[in-house]
C-alpha atoms as a PDB file:
ATOM      1  CA  MET A   1     -34.328   9.688   2.519  1.00  0.00           C
ATOM      2  CA  LEU A   2     -32.577   9.257  -0.713  1.00  0.00           C
ATOM      3  CA  ARG A   3     -29.283   7.510   0.981  1.00  0.00           C
ATOM      4  CA  ALA A   4     -31.791   5.044   2.556  1.00  0.00           C
ATOM      5  CA  VAL A   5     -33.106   4.033  -0.876  1.00  0.00           C
ATOM      6  CA  THR A   6     -29.659   3.655  -2.478  1.00  0.00           C
ATOM      7  CA  ASP A   7     -28.545   1.349   0.720  1.00  0.00           C
ATOM      8  CA  GLU A   8     -31.628  -0.634   0.262  1.00  0.00           C
ATOM      9  CA  PHE A   9     -30.946  -0.937  -3.521  1.00  0.00           C
ATOM     10  CA  ALA A  10     -27.278  -1.923  -2.841  1.00  0.00           C
ATOM     11  CA  ARG A  11     -28.153  -4.444  -0.335  1.00  0.00           C
ATOM     12  CA  SER A  12     -30.822  -6.098  -2.326  1.00  0.00           C
ATOM     13  CA  ARG A  13     -28.416  -6.378  -5.330  1.00  0.00           C
ATOM     14  CA  VAL A  14     -25.787  -8.022  -3.196  1.00  0.00           C
ATOM     15  CA  VAL A  15     -28.664 -10.476  -1.792  1.00  0.00           C
ATOM     16  CA  LEU A  16     -29.645 -11.206  -5.479  1.00  0.00           C
ATOM     17  CA  ALA A  17     -25.642 -11.768  -6.295  1.00  0.00           C
ATOM     18  CA  VAL A  18     -25.352 -14.075  -3.297  1.00  0.00           C
ATOM     19  CA  LEU A  19     -28.560 -16.020  -4.307  1.00  0.00           C
ATOM     20  CA  LEU A  20     -27.474 -16.423  -7.921  1.00  0.00           C
ATOM     21  CA  VAL A  21     -24.131 -17.923  -7.239  1.00  0.00           C
ATOM     22  CA  SER A  22     -25.569 -20.135  -4.588  1.00  0.00           C
ATOM     23  CA  LEU A  23     -28.100 -21.266  -7.282  1.00  0.00           C
ATOM     24  CA  GLY A  24     -25.371 -21.959  -9.779  1.00  0.00           C
ATOM     25  CA  VAL A  25     -23.282 -23.644  -7.369  1.00  0.00           C
ATOM     26  CA  LEU A  26     -26.369 -25.947  -6.396  1.00  0.00           C
ATOM     27  CA  VAL A  27     -27.037 -26.783 -10.266  1.00  0.00           C
ATOM     28  CA  VAL A  28     -23.246 -27.697 -10.912  1.00  0.00           C
ATOM     29  CA  GLU A  29     -23.463 -30.019  -8.146  1.00  0.00           C
ATOM     30  CA  ILE A  30     -26.670 -31.512  -8.998  1.00  0.00           C
ATOM     31  CA  ALA A  31     -25.548 -31.817 -12.555  1.00  0.00           C
ATOM     32  CA  LEU A  32     -22.037 -33.475 -11.480  1.00  0.00           C
ATOM     33  CA  THR A  33     -23.902 -36.124  -9.329  1.00  0.00           C
ATOM     34  CA  ARG A  34     -26.149 -36.870 -12.227  1.00  0.00           C
ATOM     35  CA  VAL A  35     -23.581 -37.164 -14.773  1.00  0.00           C
ATOM     36  CA  LEU A  36     -21.135 -39.217 -12.480  1.00  0.00           C
ATOM     37  CA  SER A  37     -24.115 -41.513 -11.363  1.00  0.00           C
ATOM     38  CA  PHE A  38     -25.024 -42.136 -14.979  1.00  0.00           C
ATOM     39  CA  THR A  39     -21.624 -42.441 -16.517  1.00  0.00           C
ATOM     40  CA  LEU A  40     -19.462 -44.054 -13.502  1.00  0.00           C
ATOM     41  CA  TRP A  41     -20.044 -45.585 -10.416  1.00  0.00           C
ATOM     42  CA  TYR A  42     -22.919 -44.242  -8.445  1.00  0.00           C
ATOM     43  CA  HIS A  43     -20.554 -43.883  -5.216  1.00  0.00           C
ATOM     44  CA  PHE A  44     -18.765 -40.995  -6.776  1.00  0.00           C
ATOM     45  CA  THR A  45     -22.251 -38.882  -6.285  1.00  0.00           C
ATOM     46  CA  TYR A  46     -21.223 -39.204  -2.555  1.00  0.00           C
ATOM     47  CA  VAL A  47     -17.833 -37.923  -3.179  1.00  0.00           C
ATOM     48  CA  VAL A  48     -19.215 -34.982  -4.692  1.00  0.00           C
ATOM     49  CA  LEU A  49     -21.781 -34.415  -1.790  1.00  0.00           C
ATOM     50  CA  ALA A  50     -18.676 -34.593   0.672  1.00  0.00           C
ATOM     51  CA  VAL A  51     -16.498 -32.538  -1.214  1.00  0.00           C
ATOM     52  CA  ALA A  52     -19.080 -29.574  -1.654  1.00  0.00           C
ATOM     53  CA  LEU A  53     -19.927 -29.577   2.068  1.00  0.00           C
ATOM     54  CA  LEU A  54     -16.187 -29.652   2.712  1.00  0.00           C
ATOM     55  CA  GLY A  55     -15.904 -26.612   0.660  1.00  0.00           C
ATOM     56  CA  TYR A  56     -18.821 -24.847   2.401  1.00  0.00           C
ATOM     57  CA  GLY A  57     -17.326 -25.735   5.789  1.00  0.00           C
ATOM     58  CA  ALA A  58     -13.774 -24.761   4.721  1.00  0.00           C
ATOM     59  CA  SER A  59     -14.696 -21.648   3.270  1.00  0.00           C
ATOM     60  CA  GLY A  60     -16.720 -20.432   6.459  1.00  0.00           C
ATOM     61  CA  ALA A  61     -13.696 -21.370   8.653  1.00  0.00           C
ATOM     62  CA  PHE A  62     -11.454 -19.379   6.202  1.00  0.00           C
ATOM     63  CA  LEU A  63     -13.398 -16.271   6.521  1.00  0.00           C
ATOM     64  CA  ALA A  64     -14.070 -16.534  10.107  1.00  0.00           C
ATOM     65  CA  SER A  65     -10.175 -16.748  11.214  1.00  0.00           C
ATOM     66  CA  SER A  66      -8.848 -14.198   8.591  1.00  0.00           C
ATOM     67  CA  LYS A  67      -8.575 -10.681   9.993  1.00  0.00           C
ATOM     68  CA  ARG A  68      -7.715  -9.265   6.513  1.00  0.00           C
ATOM     69  CA  LEU A  69     -10.526 -10.559   4.905  1.00  0.00           C
ATOM     70  CA  GLU A  70     -13.139  -9.448   7.693  1.00  0.00           C
ATOM     71  CA  SER A  71     -11.740  -5.619   6.873  1.00  0.00           C
ATOM     72  CA  LEU A  72     -12.763  -5.917   3.337  1.00  0.00           C
ATOM     73  CA  PRO A  73     -16.165  -4.891   2.358  1.00  0.00           C
ATOM     74  CA  PRO A  74     -18.611  -7.643   1.317  1.00  0.00           C
ATOM     75  CA  ARG A  75     -18.818  -6.342  -2.354  1.00  0.00           C
ATOM     76  CA  VAL A  76     -15.340  -6.805  -3.169  1.00  0.00           C
ATOM     77  CA  LEU A  77     -15.266 -10.219  -1.430  1.00  0.00           C
ATOM     78  CA  LEU A  78     -18.547 -10.929  -3.573  1.00  0.00           C
ATOM     79  CA  HIS A  79     -16.994  -9.850  -6.712  1.00  0.00           C
ATOM     80  CA  ALA A  80     -13.559 -11.645  -6.170  1.00  0.00           C
ATOM     81  CA  SER A  81     -15.155 -15.006  -5.130  1.00  0.00           C
ATOM     82  CA  THR A  82     -17.517 -14.845  -8.040  1.00  0.00           C
ATOM     83  CA  LEU A  83     -14.780 -14.503 -10.444  1.00  0.00           C
ATOM     84  CA  LEU A  84     -12.660 -17.334  -8.754  1.00  0.00           C
ATOM     85  CA  ALA A  85     -15.414 -19.708  -8.762  1.00  0.00           C
ATOM     86  CA  SER A  86     -16.328 -19.060 -12.322  1.00  0.00           C
ATOM     87  CA  ALA A  87     -12.186 -19.844 -13.154  1.00  0.00           C
ATOM     88  CA  ALA A  88     -12.511 -22.569 -10.980  1.00  0.00           C
ATOM     89  CA  GLY A  89     -15.458 -24.132 -12.540  1.00  0.00           C
ATOM     90  CA  VAL A  90     -13.748 -23.700 -16.065  1.00  0.00           C
ATOM     91  CA  LEU A  91     -10.685 -25.386 -14.912  1.00  0.00           C
ATOM     92  CA  ALA A  92     -12.458 -28.155 -13.414  1.00  0.00           C
ATOM     93  CA  LEU A  93     -14.520 -28.760 -16.779  1.00  0.00           C
ATOM     94  CA  LEU A  94     -11.494 -28.857 -18.570  1.00  0.00           C
ATOM     95  CA  ALA A  95      -9.564 -31.024 -16.024  1.00  0.00           C
ATOM     96  CA  ILE A  96     -12.954 -33.473 -16.607  1.00  0.00           C
ATOM     97  CA  ARG A  97     -12.481 -33.309 -20.246  1.00  0.00           C
ATOM     98  CA  PHE A  98      -8.908 -33.796 -20.822  1.00  0.00           C
ATOM     99  CA  LEU A  99      -7.742 -35.932 -17.837  1.00  0.00           C
ATOM    100  CA  PRO A 100      -7.673 -39.580 -18.520  1.00  0.00           C
ATOM    101  CA  PHE A 101      -9.320 -40.856 -15.643  1.00  0.00           C
ATOM    102  CA  ARG A 102     -10.812 -44.443 -15.714  1.00  0.00           C
ATOM    103  CA  PRO A 103     -11.994 -45.208 -12.096  1.00  0.00           C
ATOM    104  CA  LEU A 104     -12.473 -49.123 -13.327  1.00  0.00           C
ATOM    105  CA  GLU A 105      -8.616 -49.430 -13.707  1.00  0.00           C
ATOM    106  CA  LEU A 106      -7.730 -47.928 -10.095  1.00  0.00           C
ATOM    107  CA  ALA A 107      -6.597 -51.412  -9.016  1.00  0.00           C
ATOM    108  CA  THR A 108      -4.384 -52.027 -12.275  1.00  0.00           C
ATOM    109  CA  ASP A 109      -2.989 -48.926 -13.156  1.00  0.00           C
ATOM    110  CA  PRO A 110      -0.994 -46.546 -10.706  1.00  0.00           C
ATOM    111  CA  LEU A 111      -1.592 -43.612 -12.824  1.00  0.00           C
ATOM    112  CA  GLN A 112      -5.209 -43.503 -11.885  1.00  0.00           C
ATOM    113  CA  LEU A 113      -4.682 -42.623  -8.265  1.00  0.00           C
ATOM    114  CA  PRO A 114      -2.976 -39.298  -8.738  1.00  0.00           C
ATOM    115  CA  LEU A 115      -5.742 -38.633 -11.534  1.00  0.00           C
ATOM    116  CA  MET A 116      -8.557 -39.228  -8.942  1.00  0.00           C
ATOM    117  CA  ALA A 117      -6.942 -36.525  -6.671  1.00  0.00           C
ATOM    118  CA  LEU A 118      -7.092 -34.108  -9.409  1.00  0.00           C
END
């Protein structure tokens, strides 16, 4: 009986963690679309949505095809992916802040195209 209660508690913690990570990703995506539509061209909002959907699809395909990740427990995968996502978020915000990307100069400045790829 006690084992069933602890298993249910652990499962509910994993579900809560997945919910919070997913909610965080959606909040960042909505914030990016709002910022980009206000400060830059509204066309970049479609880029944000496309890259987010590509990330969901690519990560699902990677997880489905990886034998090594299939053998790991979900708790380890959740911890590792949460840490990697938070580090990637911080790096993305730093890149947005410090890279001198100016989309209106894409046609005249050849340096802007590689900066857009970053």
